[in-house]
Amino acid sequence: MGTGRTLNKHPRTRPIKSPSEKRRRSKVQRVRLVKLGVDAETVAKMQPETVRKMILKPAKVEKRLAAKAV
C-alpha cells in the first residue's frame, strides 16, 4: 500500500483499506495470539475487536495465562 510523494504534495484522498488486506491482518493477529499461548478454539470464537485489544498488550495476556495455569 504505497503512500509515496503524491500524498505529500497536495491534500489527496487517503488509500482505502481493501477487505482482503483486513482479513489478512486479522488472520495474522489471531496467529500471534495463539503463539502467545491462547487456545486456538478460543481465538477462533473471539470478535476481531477483542483480538486487537489483546494483541496490544501481550505482557498482560501472558500474565493472565500464567495465573490460570497455576
Protein backbone atom coordinates (compact mmCIF):
# COMPACT_ATOMS: atom_id res chain seq x y z
CA MET A 1 0.00 0.00 0.00
CA GLY A 2 2.31 2.71 -1.25
CA THR A 3 1.86 6.20 0.08
CA GLY A 4 4.55 7.95 -1.89
CA ARG A 5 5.12 11.57 -2.83
CA THR A 6 1.61 12.00 -4.27
CA LEU A 7 0.00 12.20 -0.86
CA ASN A 8 2.67 14.57 0.50
CA LYS A 9 2.35 17.20 -2.26
CA HIS A 10 -1.35 18.06 -2.11
CA PRO A 11 -4.33 17.20 0.04
CA ARG A 12 -5.46 13.94 -1.51
CA THR A 13 -7.70 11.07 -0.57
CA ARG A 14 -6.07 8.51 1.65
CA PRO A 15 -5.68 4.98 0.25
CA ILE A 16 -8.61 2.71 1.03
CA LYS A 17 -8.03 -0.46 3.03
CA SER A 18 -9.18 -3.41 0.99
CA PRO A 19 -11.26 -6.18 2.56
CA SER A 20 -8.62 -8.76 1.65
CA GLU A 21 -5.93 -6.78 3.50
CA LYS A 22 -8.22 -6.52 6.52
CA ARG A 23 -8.79 -10.30 6.52
CA ARG A 24 -5.04 -10.88 6.20
CA ARG A 25 -4.26 -8.61 9.16
CA SER A 26 -6.97 -10.26 11.24
CA LYS A 27 -5.56 -13.71 10.44
CA VAL A 28 -2.03 -12.63 11.40
CA GLN A 29 -3.30 -11.18 14.69
CA ARG A 30 -5.10 -14.43 15.54
CA VAL A 31 -1.93 -16.42 14.83
CA ARG A 32 0.03 -14.09 17.13
CA LEU A 33 -2.46 -14.72 19.95
CA VAL A 34 -2.14 -18.48 19.51
CA LYS A 35 1.65 -18.14 19.68
CA LEU A 36 1.25 -16.25 22.97
CA GLY A 37 -0.49 -19.31 24.39
CA VAL A 38 -4.20 -18.64 23.99
CA ASP A 39 -6.19 -21.70 22.94
CA ALA A 40 -6.82 -21.81 19.18
CA GLU A 41 -10.52 -22.65 19.61
CA THR A 42 -10.98 -19.70 21.95
CA VAL A 43 -9.28 -17.34 19.50
CA ALA A 44 -11.45 -18.62 16.65
CA LYS A 45 -14.60 -17.66 18.57
CA MET A 46 -13.38 -14.17 19.52
CA GLN A 47 -14.60 -10.96 17.93
CA PRO A 48 -11.98 -9.05 15.88
CA GLU A 49 -12.08 -6.09 18.29
CA THR A 50 -11.23 -8.35 21.23
CA VAL A 51 -8.34 -9.90 19.32
CA ARG A 52 -6.92 -6.46 18.51
CA LYS A 53 -7.19 -5.32 22.14
CA MET A 54 -5.40 -8.42 23.39
CA ILE A 55 -2.59 -8.08 20.84
CA LEU A 56 -1.92 -4.52 22.01
CA LYS A 57 -0.77 -5.72 25.45
CA PRO A 58 0.92 -9.13 25.06
CA ALA A 59 2.51 -8.96 28.53
CA LYS A 60 -0.94 -8.79 30.13
CA VAL A 61 -2.12 -11.77 28.08
CA GLU A 62 0.89 -13.86 29.17
CA LYS A 63 0.38 -12.81 32.80
CA ARG A 64 -3.30 -13.78 32.68
CA LEU A 65 -2.49 -17.16 31.11
CA ALA A 66 0.20 -17.82 33.73
CA ALA A 67 -2.32 -17.08 36.51
CA LYS A 68 -4.80 -19.54 35.00
CA ALA A 69 -2.13 -22.24 34.71
CA VAL A 70 -1.33 -22.06 38.42
